[in-house]
Amino acid sequence: MITEQDLIELGFERETTSYNDSITSNVDGYFVDNEEIAFYTLMIDELEFSSNTSDEWDDELEVIITDTSIVFRNLEDLRNVIDILKRNQQ
């Protein structure tokens, strides 16, 4: 299992956004505040690691390598890959 603190310790940066970049939405005639959506990213050379968004974290926090089908759900696997990439980065 991966936590927010794990990602911070690995060097990920927290980014936030809201749906449609607006603060309120009209839902069935009522204006409601949109909750900011957070996610984490890390760049190693040309590879971008990105977490799923905070509205999905109840299920499980996971990390993908952008533009691939590689998904990390295990902290040790993620940590090992990041460590290997950082050690071999020129």
N, C-alpha and C. Protein backbone atom coordinates (compact mmCIF):
# COMPACT_ATOMS: atom_id res chain seq x y z
N MET A 1 0.84 -1.18 0.00
CA MET A 1 0.00 0.00 0.00
C MET A 1 0.89 1.25 0.00
N ILE A 2 0.50 2.22 -0.77
CA ILE A 2 1.25 3.47 -0.91
C ILE A 2 0.46 4.58 -0.23
N THR A 3 1.16 5.44 0.53
CA THR A 3 0.52 6.58 1.19
C THR A 3 1.05 7.89 0.62
N GLU A 4 0.36 8.98 0.93
CA GLU A 4 0.84 10.30 0.51
C GLU A 4 2.23 10.56 1.06
N GLN A 5 2.46 10.22 2.32
CA GLN A 5 3.76 10.45 2.94
C GLN A 5 4.86 9.68 2.21
N ASP A 6 4.56 8.47 1.77
CA ASP A 6 5.53 7.69 0.99
C ASP A 6 5.94 8.45 -0.26
N LEU A 7 4.96 9.00 -0.97
CA LEU A 7 5.26 9.72 -2.21
C LEU A 7 6.10 10.96 -1.93
N ILE A 8 5.78 11.67 -0.86
CA ILE A 8 6.56 12.86 -0.49
C ILE A 8 8.00 12.46 -0.20
N GLU A 9 8.19 11.37 0.54
CA GLU A 9 9.55 10.92 0.87
C GLU A 9 10.32 10.47 -0.37
N LEU A 10 9.62 10.01 -1.40
CA LEU A 10 10.27 9.61 -2.65
C LEU A 10 10.57 10.79 -3.57
N GLY A 11 10.11 11.99 -3.19
CA GLY A 11 10.40 13.18 -3.98
C GLY A 11 9.26 13.65 -4.87
N PHE A 12 8.09 13.06 -4.76
CA PHE A 12 6.95 13.48 -5.54
C PHE A 12 6.49 14.87 -5.09
N GLU A 13 5.94 15.63 -6.04
CA GLU A 13 5.38 16.94 -5.74
C GLU A 13 3.86 16.88 -5.83
N ARG A 14 3.20 17.49 -4.86
CA ARG A 14 1.73 17.53 -4.84
C ARG A 14 1.24 18.64 -5.76
N GLU A 15 0.28 18.31 -6.57
CA GLU A 15 -0.35 19.30 -7.46
C GLU A 15 -1.85 19.25 -7.20
N THR A 16 -2.51 20.38 -7.36
CA THR A 16 -3.96 20.43 -7.15
C THR A 16 -4.64 21.10 -8.32
N THR A 17 -5.86 20.71 -8.52
CA THR A 17 -6.70 21.32 -9.54
C THR A 17 -8.14 21.11 -9.12
N SER A 18 -9.04 21.83 -9.72
CA SER A 18 -10.46 21.57 -9.49
C SER A 18 -11.10 21.32 -10.85
N TYR A 19 -12.21 20.62 -10.83
CA TYR A 19 -12.88 20.33 -12.09
C TYR A 19 -13.18 21.63 -12.81
N ASN A 20 -12.83 21.71 -14.07
CA ASN A 20 -13.06 22.88 -14.92
C ASN A 20 -12.43 24.15 -14.37
N ASP A 21 -11.47 24.01 -13.43
CA ASP A 21 -10.79 25.15 -12.83
C ASP A 21 -11.77 26.18 -12.28
N SER A 22 -12.95 25.77 -11.85
CA SER A 22 -13.88 26.71 -11.23
C SER A 22 -14.08 26.31 -9.78
N ILE A 23 -14.46 27.27 -8.98
CA ILE A 23 -14.59 27.02 -7.55
C ILE A 23 -15.99 26.51 -7.21
N THR A 24 -17.00 26.94 -7.96
CA THR A 24 -18.36 26.49 -7.68
C THR A 24 -19.00 25.93 -8.95
N SER A 25 -19.94 25.06 -8.76
CA SER A 25 -20.67 24.48 -9.88
C SER A 25 -22.16 24.58 -9.60
N ASN A 26 -22.93 24.69 -10.65
CA ASN A 26 -24.37 24.70 -10.54
C ASN A 26 -24.85 23.27 -10.73
N VAL A 27 -25.31 22.64 -9.64
CA VAL A 27 -25.78 21.28 -9.68
C VAL A 27 -27.26 21.29 -9.35
N ASP A 28 -28.08 20.98 -10.33
CA ASP A 28 -29.54 20.97 -10.13
C ASP A 28 -30.05 22.26 -9.51
N GLY A 29 -29.51 23.39 -9.95
CA GLY A 29 -29.98 24.68 -9.46
C GLY A 29 -29.31 25.15 -8.18
N TYR A 30 -28.44 24.35 -7.61
CA TYR A 30 -27.72 24.72 -6.38
C TYR A 30 -26.25 24.92 -6.70
N PHE A 31 -25.68 25.97 -6.12
CA PHE A 31 -24.25 26.19 -6.30
C PHE A 31 -23.51 25.48 -5.19
N VAL A 32 -22.58 24.63 -5.58
CA VAL A 32 -21.79 23.87 -4.60
C VAL A 32 -20.31 24.11 -4.87
N ASP A 33 -19.54 24.13 -3.79
CA ASP A 33 -18.09 24.29 -3.94
C ASP A 33 -17.49 22.99 -4.44
N ASN A 34 -16.62 23.11 -5.41
CA ASN A 34 -15.88 21.94 -5.87
C ASN A 34 -14.70 21.72 -4.95
N GLU A 35 -14.50 20.50 -4.59
CA GLU A 35 -13.34 20.14 -3.79
C GLU A 35 -12.13 20.12 -4.70
N GLU A 36 -11.01 20.65 -4.20
CA GLU A 36 -9.81 20.56 -5.00
C GLU A 36 -9.38 19.11 -5.12
N ILE A 37 -8.93 18.77 -6.30
CA ILE A 37 -8.45 17.43 -6.58
C ILE A 37 -6.92 17.46 -6.55
N ALA A 38 -6.33 16.55 -5.80
CA ALA A 38 -4.87 16.52 -5.68
C ALA A 38 -4.32 15.26 -6.34
N PHE A 39 -3.08 15.36 -6.78
CA PHE A 39 -2.35 14.20 -7.30
C PHE A 39 -0.87 14.52 -7.14
N TYR A 40 -0.03 13.51 -7.29
CA TYR A 40 1.41 13.66 -7.12
C TYR A 40 2.14 13.30 -8.40
N THR A 41 3.23 14.03 -8.68
CA THR A 41 4.03 13.74 -9.87
C THR A 41 5.52 13.74 -9.52
N LEU A 42 6.27 12.99 -10.29
CA LEU A 42 7.72 12.94 -10.16
C LEU A 42 8.30 12.73 -11.55
N MET A 43 9.27 13.55 -11.90
CA MET A 43 9.98 13.39 -13.18
C MET A 43 11.37 12.85 -12.91
N ILE A 44 11.72 11.79 -13.63
CA ILE A 44 13.09 11.28 -13.63
C ILE A 44 13.50 11.20 -15.09
N ASP A 45 14.40 12.12 -15.46
CA ASP A 45 14.80 12.28 -16.84
C ASP A 45 13.56 12.53 -17.69
N GLU A 46 13.21 11.65 -18.61
CA GLU A 46 12.04 11.83 -19.48
C GLU A 46 10.82 11.06 -18.99
N LEU A 47 10.96 10.34 -17.88
CA LEU A 47 9.86 9.54 -17.36
C LEU A 47 9.06 10.33 -16.33
N GLU A 48 7.76 10.33 -16.50
CA GLU A 48 6.90 11.00 -15.52
C GLU A 48 6.08 9.95 -14.77
N PHE A 49 6.20 9.99 -13.46
CA PHE A 49 5.39 9.16 -12.58
C PHE A 49 4.26 10.04 -12.06
N SER A 50 3.05 9.49 -12.05
CA SER A 50 1.90 10.27 -11.63
C SER A 50 0.95 9.39 -10.83
N SER A 51 0.45 9.94 -9.72
CA SER A 51 -0.51 9.18 -8.91
C SER A 51 -1.91 9.37 -9.47
N ASN A 52 -2.80 8.50 -9.04
CA ASN A 52 -4.20 8.74 -9.35
C ASN A 52 -4.67 9.94 -8.53
N THR A 53 -5.86 10.45 -8.79
CA THR A 53 -6.33 11.66 -8.13
C THR A 53 -6.94 11.36 -6.77
N SER A 54 -6.94 12.37 -5.92
CA SER A 54 -7.36 12.20 -4.53
C SER A 54 -8.80 11.71 -4.39
N ASP A 55 -9.64 11.98 -5.36
CA ASP A 55 -11.02 11.48 -5.27
C ASP A 55 -11.09 9.97 -5.49
N GLU A 56 -9.97 9.35 -5.85
CA GLU A 56 -9.89 7.90 -6.04
C GLU A 56 -9.09 7.20 -4.93
N TRP A 57 -8.55 7.97 -3.98
CA TRP A 57 -7.66 7.40 -2.98
C TRP A 57 -8.37 6.50 -1.99
N ASP A 58 -9.68 6.61 -1.85
CA ASP A 58 -10.40 5.70 -0.95
C ASP A 58 -10.25 4.26 -1.42
N ASP A 59 -10.21 4.09 -2.74
CA ASP A 59 -9.99 2.75 -3.29
C ASP A 59 -8.55 2.32 -3.04
N GLU A 60 -7.61 3.09 -3.54
CA GLU A 60 -6.20 2.79 -3.36
C GLU A 60 -5.38 3.85 -4.06
N LEU A 61 -4.32 4.30 -3.41
CA LEU A 61 -3.40 5.22 -4.06
C LEU A 61 -2.45 4.40 -4.91
N GLU A 62 -2.33 4.77 -6.19
CA GLU A 62 -1.46 4.05 -7.10
C GLU A 62 -0.70 5.03 -7.96
N VAL A 63 0.38 4.58 -8.55
CA VAL A 63 1.24 5.43 -9.37
C VAL A 63 1.43 4.77 -10.72
N ILE A 64 1.32 5.57 -11.77
CA ILE A 64 1.57 5.07 -13.12
C ILE A 64 2.79 5.78 -13.70
N ILE A 65 3.40 5.15 -14.68
CA ILE A 65 4.38 5.85 -15.51
C ILE A 65 3.57 6.35 -16.70
N THR A 66 3.54 7.67 -16.85
CA THR A 66 2.71 8.32 -17.87
C THR A 66 2.98 7.74 -19.25
N ASP A 67 1.90 7.56 -20.00
CA ASP A 67 1.93 7.03 -21.37
C ASP A 67 2.37 5.57 -21.44
N THR A 68 2.19 4.84 -20.33
CA THR A 68 2.46 3.41 -20.33
C THR A 68 1.30 2.72 -19.61
N SER A 69 1.33 1.41 -19.59
CA SER A 69 0.33 0.66 -18.84
C SER A 69 0.91 0.14 -17.53
N ILE A 70 2.04 0.71 -17.11
CA ILE A 70 2.70 0.27 -15.87
C ILE A 70 2.06 0.98 -14.68
N VAL A 71 1.56 0.17 -13.73
CA VAL A 71 0.90 0.70 -12.54
C VAL A 71 1.56 0.11 -11.30
N PHE A 72 1.91 0.98 -10.35
CA PHE A 72 2.50 0.54 -9.09
C PHE A 72 1.46 0.67 -7.98
N ARG A 73 1.25 -0.42 -7.27
CA ARG A 73 0.37 -0.42 -6.10
C ARG A 73 1.14 -0.84 -4.85
N ASN A 74 2.38 -1.27 -5.05
CA ASN A 74 3.23 -1.74 -3.97
C ASN A 74 4.37 -0.75 -3.77
N LEU A 75 4.53 -0.27 -2.55
CA LEU A 75 5.55 0.74 -2.26
C LEU A 75 6.96 0.25 -2.56
N GLU A 76 7.28 -0.96 -2.17
CA GLU A 76 8.64 -1.45 -2.38
C GLU A 76 9.00 -1.54 -3.86
N ASP A 77 8.07 -1.97 -4.69
CA ASP A 77 8.33 -2.02 -6.13
C ASP A 77 8.58 -0.61 -6.67
N LEU A 78 7.74 0.33 -6.27
CA LEU A 78 7.89 1.71 -6.73
C LEU A 78 9.22 2.28 -6.25
N ARG A 79 9.53 2.10 -4.99
CA ARG A 79 10.78 2.61 -4.42
C ARG A 79 11.99 2.01 -5.16
N ASN A 80 11.97 0.71 -5.42
CA ASN A 80 13.09 0.07 -6.12
C ASN A 80 13.30 0.64 -7.52
N VAL A 81 12.21 0.80 -8.27
CA VAL A 81 12.33 1.34 -9.63
C VAL A 81 12.85 2.77 -9.60
N ILE A 82 12.33 3.60 -8.71
CA ILE A 82 12.78 4.99 -8.62
C ILE A 82 14.25 5.05 -8.21
N ASP A 83 14.64 4.24 -7.23
CA ASP A 83 16.04 4.21 -6.80
C ASP A 83 16.96 3.80 -7.95
N ILE A 84 16.60 2.77 -8.68
CA ILE A 84 17.41 2.31 -9.82
C ILE A 84 17.53 3.40 -10.88
N LEU A 85 16.43 4.04 -11.21
CA LEU A 85 16.45 5.09 -12.23
C LEU A 85 17.30 6.28 -11.78
N LYS A 86 17.15 6.70 -10.53
CA LYS A 86 17.92 7.84 -10.03
C LYS A 86 19.42 7.53 -9.99
N ARG A 87 19.78 6.30 -9.61
CA ARG A 87 21.21 5.92 -9.55
C ARG A 87 21.83 5.89 -10.94
N ASN A 88 21.06 5.61 -11.95
CA ASN A 88 21.60 5.48 -13.30
C ASN A 88 21.32 6.67 -14.20
N GLN A 89 20.79 7.73 -13.64
CA GLN A 89 20.51 8.94 -14.40
C GLN A 89 21.83 9.68 -14.64
N GLN A 90 22.03 10.16 -15.88
CA GLN A 90 23.27 10.86 -16.21
C GLN A 90 23.06 12.34 -16.23
